[in-house]
Protein backbone atom coordinates (compact mmCIF):
# COMPACT_ATOMS: atom_id res chain seq x y z
CA MET A 1 -21.56 -9.07 -23.56
CA SER A 2 -20.46 -8.69 -19.99
CA LYS A 3 -20.97 -5.30 -18.35
CA THR A 4 -18.70 -2.77 -17.03
CA VAL A 5 -19.49 -0.81 -13.91
CA PHE A 6 -17.04 2.25 -13.10
CA TYR A 7 -17.00 2.81 -9.09
CA ALA A 8 -15.18 5.74 -7.43
CA SER A 9 -15.36 6.56 -3.75
CA VAL A 10 -15.35 9.97 -1.82
CA GLY A 11 -14.03 9.23 1.77
CA PRO A 12 -15.88 6.38 3.39
CA VAL A 13 -18.42 6.46 0.64
CA LEU A 14 -18.57 3.83 -2.98
CA THR A 15 -20.28 4.59 -5.94
CA ALA A 16 -21.15 2.92 -9.14
CA TYR A 17 -21.72 4.32 -12.33
CA ASP A 18 -22.86 2.88 -15.26
CA LEU A 19 -20.55 3.54 -18.00
CA ASP A 20 -21.91 3.22 -21.55
CA ILE A 21 -18.72 3.56 -23.40
CA ASP A 22 -20.56 4.31 -27.19
CA ASN A 23 -21.30 7.69 -26.04
CA ALA A 24 -18.45 8.08 -23.25
CA ALA A 25 -20.96 8.74 -20.41
CA LEU A 26 -20.97 8.15 -16.32
CA THR A 27 -24.63 7.60 -14.52
CA LYS A 28 -24.63 7.27 -10.85
CA ARG A 29 -26.94 4.90 -9.65
CA GLY A 30 -26.12 3.89 -6.02
CA ALA A 31 -23.71 4.13 -3.14
CA ILE A 32 -22.57 2.04 -0.16
CA THR A 33 -20.20 3.20 2.88
CA LEU A 34 -17.44 1.18 4.09
CA PRO A 35 -16.29 1.43 7.72
CA ALA A 36 -13.74 4.06 6.71
CA ASN A 37 -11.84 6.32 4.14
CA VAL A 38 -11.48 4.04 0.98
CA GLN A 39 -7.81 3.52 0.35
CA TYR A 40 -8.12 1.01 -2.73
CA LEU A 41 -10.30 -1.56 -4.07
CA TRP A 42 -9.41 -4.98 -5.58
CA PRO A 43 -11.85 -7.72 -7.29
CA HIS A 44 -11.86 -11.10 -7.21
CA PRO A 45 -10.69 -13.17 -10.44
CA SER A 46 -14.57 -14.70 -10.19
CA ARG A 47 -15.60 -10.94 -10.39
CA ARG A 48 -18.70 -11.89 -8.14
CA TYR A 49 -16.94 -10.56 -5.24
CA ALA A 50 -14.55 -7.36 -4.35
CA TYR A 51 -12.02 -6.36 -1.83
CA VAL A 52 -11.93 -2.80 -0.25
CA VAL A 53 -9.45 -1.87 1.97
CA SER A 54 -10.24 1.48 4.17
CA SER A 55 -8.97 3.47 7.20
CA THR A 56 -9.35 6.76 9.54
CA GLY A 57 -5.90 7.93 8.07
CA GLY A 58 -4.68 9.51 4.50
CA PRO A 59 -1.63 10.49 3.38
CA GLY A 60 0.61 12.12 6.39
CA ILE A 61 -2.43 11.14 8.73
CA ALA A 62 -1.99 7.65 10.45
CA GLY A 63 -5.54 6.72 11.49
CA ASP A 64 -6.46 4.54 14.20
CA LYS A 65 -8.71 1.76 12.78
CA HIS A 66 -8.05 -0.05 9.61
CA PHE A 67 -9.97 -2.66 8.00
CA ALA A 68 -10.34 -4.91 4.73
CA SER A 69 -14.26 -5.61 3.62
CA ALA A 70 -15.36 -8.06 1.30
CA LEU A 71 -18.29 -6.89 -1.55
CA VAL A 72 -20.48 -9.32 -2.99
CA VAL A 73 -21.03 -7.75 -6.45
CA ASP A 74 -24.93 -8.11 -7.97
CA PRO A 75 -24.04 -9.63 -11.63
CA ALA A 76 -26.99 -7.51 -13.30
CA SER A 77 -26.29 -4.13 -11.65
CA GLY A 78 -23.09 -3.98 -10.21
CA ASP A 79 -24.23 -3.12 -7.22
CA MET A 80 -21.92 -4.34 -3.96
CA ARG A 81 -22.92 -4.64 0.04
CA LEU A 82 -20.90 -5.85 2.66
CA HIS A 83 -20.12 -9.64 2.99
CA GLY A 84 -18.93 -10.71 6.08
CA GLU A 85 -16.80 -9.15 8.83
CA PRO A 86 -14.04 -6.86 7.78
CA ALA A 87 -10.64 -7.86 9.17
CA LEU A 88 -8.58 -5.70 11.14
CA LEU A 89 -5.45 -4.62 9.70
CA PRO A 90 -2.27 -3.29 11.50
CA SER A 91 -2.39 0.22 10.00
CA ARG A 92 -3.41 2.36 7.23
CA PRO A 93 -3.28 0.15 4.20
CA ILE A 94 -2.61 1.51 1.08
CA HIS A 95 -3.16 -1.31 -1.70
CA THR A 96 -4.28 -4.75 -2.32
CA THR A 97 -4.83 -7.55 -4.81
CA VAL A 98 -6.07 -10.79 -5.19
CA ASP A 99 -4.13 -13.99 -6.29
CA ALA A 100 -5.11 -15.49 -9.42
CA SER A 101 -6.41 -18.46 -7.76
CA GLY A 102 -8.79 -16.43 -5.85
CA ALA A 103 -7.77 -17.88 -2.45
CA PHE A 104 -5.55 -15.36 -1.01
CA LEU A 105 -5.97 -11.14 0.12
CA LEU A 106 -2.70 -9.27 -0.45
CA THR A 107 -2.40 -5.87 1.20
CA ALA A 108 0.49 -3.11 1.38
CA PHE A 109 0.65 -0.46 4.45
CA ASN A 110 3.04 2.62 4.01
CA VAL A 111 3.91 3.43 7.38
CA PRO A 112 5.47 1.45 8.22
CA SER A 113 5.92 -0.51 4.94
CA ASN A 114 4.35 -4.07 5.64
CA VAL A 115 2.55 -6.29 3.10
CA THR A 116 0.01 -9.54 4.52
CA VAL A 117 -1.79 -12.04 3.22
CA HIS A 118 -5.45 -13.18 4.37
CA ARG A 119 -6.95 -16.55 3.47
CA LEU A 120 -10.01 -16.17 1.16
CA ASN A 121 -12.70 -18.34 2.07
CA THR A 122 -14.61 -20.13 -0.50
CA ASP A 123 -18.06 -17.89 -0.06
CA GLY A 124 -15.79 -14.70 -0.55
CA THR A 125 -15.71 -13.66 3.07
CA ILE A 126 -12.10 -12.98 4.61
CA GLY A 127 -10.25 -15.82 6.35
CA PRO A 128 -7.73 -15.86 8.98
CA LEU A 129 -3.94 -14.19 8.59
CA ARG A 130 -1.67 -16.71 6.57
CA PRO A 131 1.10 -16.97 8.99
CA GLN A 132 4.72 -15.98 7.20
CA ALA A 133 7.56 -18.40 7.62
CA GLU A 134 10.30 -15.48 7.80
CA THR A 135 10.96 -11.90 8.49
CA LEU A 136 10.35 -9.92 4.85
CA ASP A 137 12.08 -7.31 3.42
CA THR A 138 9.31 -4.92 2.70
CA GLY A 139 11.35 -1.65 2.10
CA ILE A 140 10.67 1.59 3.03
CA PHE A 141 6.99 3.21 2.01
CA ALA A 142 5.47 0.16 0.09
CA HIS A 143 2.42 1.80 -2.49
CA GLN A 144 1.54 -1.35 -4.36
CA VAL A 145 1.54 -5.28 -4.67
CA ARG A 146 1.20 -6.83 -7.14
CA MET A 147 0.76 -10.66 -8.15
CA MET A 148 3.26 -12.02 -11.26
CA PRO A 149 1.90 -12.84 -13.95
CA SER A 150 3.00 -16.44 -13.22
CA ASN A 151 1.47 -16.28 -9.47
CA ARG A 152 4.46 -17.85 -8.20
CA ALA A 153 5.83 -14.73 -6.99
CA ALA A 154 4.97 -11.18 -6.12
CA ALA A 155 5.91 -7.68 -6.39
CA LEU A 156 5.91 -5.07 -3.52
CA VAL A 157 7.04 -1.58 -4.78
CA THR A 158 8.50 0.65 -2.19
CA ARG A 159 8.96 4.24 -3.19
CA GLY A 160 11.47 5.47 -0.62
CA ASN A 161 11.10 8.97 0.26
CA ASN A 162 13.45 12.53 -0.58
CA ALA A 163 15.33 13.86 1.54
CA GLU A 164 13.73 16.65 3.63
CA ASP A 165 14.26 19.02 6.84
CA GLY A 166 18.01 17.65 6.88
CA LYS A 167 16.56 13.82 6.94
CA ALA A 168 18.76 11.49 4.50
CA GLU A 169 16.60 10.05 1.20
CA ASP A 170 15.59 7.21 2.12
CA PRO A 171 16.18 4.79 -0.83
CA GLY A 172 13.38 3.01 -3.02
CA ALA A 173 12.74 -0.81 -4.44
CA ILE A 174 10.87 -3.21 -5.42
CA LYS A 175 10.84 -6.04 -3.52
CA THR A 176 10.03 -9.33 -5.16
CA PHE A 177 8.85 -12.70 -3.01
CA SER A 178 8.38 -16.11 -3.99
CA PHE A 179 4.46 -17.18 -3.43
CA ASP A 180 3.02 -20.54 -2.26
CA ASN A 181 0.21 -21.34 -0.96
CA GLY A 182 -0.17 -17.47 0.67
CA VAL A 183 3.63 -17.55 2.01
CA LEU A 184 5.98 -15.20 1.13
CA ARG A 185 9.58 -15.82 0.72
CA ASN A 186 12.38 -13.19 0.37
CA LEU A 187 13.38 -13.58 -3.43
CA ALA A 188 15.00 -9.99 -4.44
CA SER A 189 15.64 -6.54 -3.91
CA ILE A 190 15.20 -4.84 -7.79
CA ALA A 191 16.94 -1.12 -6.63
CA PRO A 192 19.14 0.82 -9.12
CA GLY A 193 22.21 2.48 -7.39
CA ASN A 194 21.22 0.67 -4.26
CA GLY A 195 18.05 2.36 -4.59
CA LEU A 196 18.61 5.98 -4.33
CA GLY A 197 17.41 8.51 -7.08
CA PHE A 198 14.82 5.71 -7.40
CA GLY A 199 11.58 6.35 -6.75
CA PRO A 200 8.79 3.29 -7.56
CA ARG A 201 5.27 3.76 -7.26
CA HIS A 202 2.86 1.60 -9.34
CA LEU A 203 3.51 -0.89 -11.61
CA ASP A 204 1.56 -2.82 -14.97
CA PHE A 205 2.45 -5.77 -17.01
CA HIS A 206 2.08 -6.39 -20.54
CA PRO A 207 -0.80 -8.72 -20.87
CA THR A 208 1.43 -11.37 -23.40
CA GLU A 209 4.97 -10.42 -23.35
CA PRO A 210 7.50 -10.67 -20.05
CA TRP A 211 7.61 -6.81 -19.57
CA ALA A 212 6.45 -4.86 -16.61
CA PHE A 213 6.42 -1.06 -16.48
CA VAL A 214 7.25 1.17 -13.56
CA SER A 215 5.52 4.50 -12.67
CA ILE A 216 8.63 6.53 -10.97
CA GLU A 217 7.21 8.75 -8.60
CA ARG A 218 10.03 10.86 -7.10
CA GLN A 219 11.91 11.01 -10.20
CA ASN A 220 8.94 11.47 -13.08
CA LYS A 221 9.86 8.67 -15.10
CA LEU A 222 8.95 5.46 -16.32
CA TYR A 223 10.88 2.21 -16.21
CA MET A 224 10.74 -0.96 -18.30
CA TYR A 225 11.89 -4.23 -16.64
CA LYS A 226 11.74 -7.62 -18.10
CA LEU A 227 10.67 -10.57 -16.44
CA ASP A 228 12.96 -12.90 -15.01
CA GLU A 229 11.98 -16.27 -13.59
CA ARG A 230 14.98 -16.27 -10.39
CA THR A 231 14.61 -12.70 -9.37
CA GLY A 232 10.57 -11.45 -10.62
CA LEU A 233 12.20 -8.53 -12.42
CA ALA A 234 15.47 -7.92 -14.30
CA ARG A 235 18.33 -6.58 -11.89
CA GLU A 236 17.87 -3.68 -14.20
CA PRO A 237 15.67 -2.13 -16.51
CA SER A 238 15.68 -2.42 -19.97
CA PHE A 239 14.52 1.54 -20.91
CA ILE A 240 13.94 4.97 -19.21
CA LYS A 241 12.04 7.41 -20.46
CA GLU A 242 10.93 11.15 -18.91
CA THR A 243 7.06 11.04 -18.33
CA LEU A 244 6.49 14.72 -18.65
CA ALA A 245 6.10 16.82 -21.66
CA ASP A 246 8.77 19.31 -20.19
CA PRO A 247 11.05 17.55 -17.66
CA ARG A 248 12.71 21.08 -16.34
CA GLY A 249 10.05 22.54 -15.09
CA PRO A 250 9.91 24.41 -11.84
CA THR A 251 7.11 22.55 -10.11
CA GLU A 252 7.75 19.26 -7.71
CA GLN A 253 6.37 16.77 -9.38
CA GLY A 254 5.42 13.35 -9.29
CA ALA A 255 4.14 10.35 -11.53
CA GLY A 256 1.27 8.68 -10.49
CA ALA A 257 -0.53 5.69 -11.52
CA ILE A 258 -0.24 3.22 -14.60
CA HIS A 259 -1.60 0.84 -16.67
CA VAL A 260 -1.16 -1.15 -20.14
CA HIS A 261 -3.74 -1.17 -22.75
CA PRO A 262 -5.41 -4.24 -23.12
CA ASN A 263 -4.37 -4.87 -26.44
CA GLY A 264 -0.68 -4.63 -25.04
CA LYS A 265 0.01 -1.79 -27.56
CA PHE A 266 0.39 1.43 -25.31
CA VAL A 267 1.25 2.60 -21.60
CA TYR A 268 -0.26 5.37 -19.83
CA LEU A 269 0.55 7.00 -16.82
CA THR A 270 -0.42 10.41 -15.02
CA ASN A 271 1.61 13.20 -14.03
CA ARG A 272 0.80 14.93 -11.01
CA SER A 273 1.93 18.33 -9.57
CA PHE A 274 1.92 18.53 -6.19
CA PRO A 275 -0.05 21.65 -4.59
CA ALA A 276 1.79 24.69 -2.62
CA SER A 277 0.66 26.81 -0.03
CA PRO A 278 -2.49 26.55 2.16
CA SER A 279 -5.73 28.23 1.43
CA GLY A 280 -9.28 28.37 2.62
CA GLY A 281 -9.17 24.89 3.47
CA ARG A 282 -7.04 23.70 0.34
CA LYS A 283 -4.15 24.22 -1.12
CA MET A 284 -3.10 26.77 -3.78
CA SER A 285 -2.45 24.88 -7.53
CA ALA A 286 1.38 25.27 -7.91
CA GLY A 287 0.99 24.39 -11.74
CA GLY A 288 2.41 22.34 -13.16
CA GLU A 289 1.61 19.04 -15.11
CA ASN A 290 -1.43 17.27 -14.39
CA SER A 291 -1.68 15.10 -17.39
CA VAL A 292 -1.94 11.69 -18.61
CA ALA A 293 1.56 10.65 -20.62
CA VAL A 294 0.61 7.90 -23.40
CA PHE A 295 3.25 5.58 -24.68
CA ALA A 296 3.32 3.39 -27.66
CA ILE A 297 5.38 0.34 -27.16
CA ASP A 298 7.56 -1.45 -29.56
CA GLU A 299 6.40 -5.07 -30.23
CA LYS A 300 9.75 -6.27 -30.49
CA THR A 301 11.37 -4.90 -27.56
CA GLY A 302 9.15 -3.46 -25.31
CA GLU A 303 10.17 0.36 -25.59
CA PRO A 304 8.27 2.74 -24.82
CA THR A 305 7.79 5.63 -27.27
CA HIS A 306 5.79 9.05 -25.41
CA ILE A 307 3.62 9.97 -28.42
CA GLN A 308 0.97 12.51 -26.30
CA SER A 309 0.36 14.16 -23.57
CA ILE A 310 -2.76 15.50 -22.06
CA ASP A 311 -4.61 17.63 -19.68
CA GLY A 312 -6.68 15.86 -17.07
CA LEU A 313 -8.76 19.14 -16.20
CA GLY A 314 -7.90 18.64 -12.45
CA VAL A 315 -5.39 18.19 -9.35
CA GLN A 316 -3.81 14.86 -8.59
CA LEU A 317 -4.82 12.42 -10.59
CA ARG A 318 -4.38 9.37 -8.32
CA THR A 319 -5.88 6.62 -10.18
CA PHE A 320 -7.08 6.47 -13.56
CA SER A 321 -9.23 2.87 -15.47
CA ILE A 322 -9.33 2.16 -18.93
CA ASP A 323 -12.48 -0.18 -20.07
CA PRO A 324 -11.55 -4.14 -21.54
CA ASP A 325 -12.04 -3.02 -25.01
CA GLY A 326 -10.02 -0.50 -24.48
CA ARG A 327 -12.15 2.34 -26.01
CA ILE A 328 -13.06 5.09 -22.91
CA LEU A 329 -10.21 6.39 -19.99
CA ILE A 330 -11.70 7.91 -16.91
CA ALA A 331 -9.43 9.80 -14.91
CA ALA A 332 -10.34 10.64 -11.02
CA SER A 333 -8.45 14.18 -9.41
CA ILE A 334 -9.07 13.80 -5.44
CA LEU A 335 -10.09 17.24 -4.73
CA PRO A 336 -10.58 21.13 -5.70
CA VAL A 337 -7.83 23.19 -5.44
CA ALA A 338 -7.88 26.89 -5.44
CA ARG A 339 -5.69 29.11 -8.43
CA PRO A 340 -3.76 31.82 -7.38
CA ASP A 341 -6.01 33.77 -9.45
CA GLY A 342 -8.90 33.22 -7.34
CA THR A 343 -10.84 30.70 -9.23
CA THR A 344 -11.05 26.90 -8.32
CA VAL A 345 -10.35 23.59 -10.19
CA SER A 346 -12.59 20.65 -9.23
CA ALA A 347 -11.98 17.66 -8.31
CA GLY A 348 -13.86 15.26 -11.02
CA LEU A 349 -13.98 12.28 -13.30
CA THR A 350 -12.52 13.08 -16.79
CA VAL A 351 -13.59 11.35 -19.60
CA PHE A 352 -11.07 10.84 -22.84
CA ARG A 353 -12.12 8.47 -25.63
CA MET A 354 -9.05 6.17 -26.84
CA GLY A 355 -8.15 6.11 -30.67
CA GLY A 356 -6.62 2.98 -32.26
CA ASP A 357 -3.41 4.89 -32.67
CA GLY A 358 -3.23 4.99 -28.53
CA LYS A 359 -4.02 8.30 -28.49
CA LEU A 360 -6.75 10.25 -25.73
CA ALA A 361 -9.33 12.93 -27.03
CA PHE A 362 -10.89 15.17 -24.12
CA VAL A 363 -15.16 14.02 -24.25
CA ARG A 364 -16.26 15.49 -20.78
CA LYS A 365 -15.74 16.64 -17.10
CA TYR A 366 -18.37 15.65 -14.52
CA ASP A 367 -17.49 17.81 -11.50
CA VAL A 368 -17.64 15.91 -7.88
CA ASP A 369 -18.25 17.60 -4.91
CA VAL A 370 -15.67 15.99 -2.51
CA GLY A 371 -17.00 18.01 0.92
CA ASN A 372 -13.73 17.49 3.34
CA PHE A 373 -13.07 13.99 2.02
CA GLN A 374 -11.32 13.24 -1.04
CA GLN A 375 -12.13 11.19 -4.33
CA PHE A 376 -9.11 8.84 -3.42
CA TRP A 377 -9.86 5.49 -5.22
CA SER A 378 -11.78 5.20 -8.87
CA GLY A 379 -11.27 1.45 -11.20
CA MET A 380 -13.79 -0.60 -13.58
CA VAL A 381 -14.90 -4.08 -12.82
CA THR A 382 -16.89 -6.31 -15.54
CA LEU A 383 -19.50 -8.09 -14.19
CA PRO A 384 -19.21 -12.16 -14.52
């Protein structure tokens, strides 16, 4: 049986945890320091390597140094070490992925919205930037890049921005591209209502059916799209669902990461409240929902139906992951937040057991001291 290791980053430090699935427990084992603050990690299909994008920037901060780094993964322990020289990136990266052949690394950037492709060498190191044949339509504020299940197309999820301080709303869209030997070509812009009132953040694919589930950050919605060979995704969603238990709540909210259960029967996403006024270098909690929402997926139509919302016991659940057997879900909150009553909600790792009915049961929370950094990424990697 292959071993699965859990990883979480605080600033530039990426820590590995042994994962005891039977007891839903984590044990810290070691760490590696990247050239800058970790933004995202994606494993190579061989699982012998992993790729991390990092930056001196962060939310609202452009930064001045940005990198993509290759890591070698120890097949026995899961420990990682730097592999070759990091590639320099043009701006702060927000997400990265590897195509199914393991030959190309795709990276998304939010400001300015952009996507790049690097060739990967046969030894797993990062090769040269792949020139593109045409100017790509990369939208506004890209937040994720994913290869389509066919590996012949890619999707760039671009969130747009809410109207603010007299500035009009920036429309969101899912930009799709054909993909051939590392070359992207414009395919379609999936943007209901021309992208106004549509702020997608992340998407995930069903493991066996031609369905994509999209977390709509700015409107706190879950969209389900059918895949389409011509455009990547259908022009309009098949289903739209609320993600919040109380959509009428006064607190500013945003939907977060999304993952389909390995068995394809359920889909999970996070709801995140946005902290309010500054307090002691951190921010006051504005209340609202910081939860994991669970939806059952109709096996014939793909329609998601909300069956549970469970408190994540942290503020800003930016990332979460599910083990390959669908038994454990771990959600990571990025920073400690002071409540108006003087208490503090710590940053941490919240562990849930997953039932056969898809519902989550809280097991434990591990508090994490993030200092002046943020616990910005977490995820699981199954070893070869």
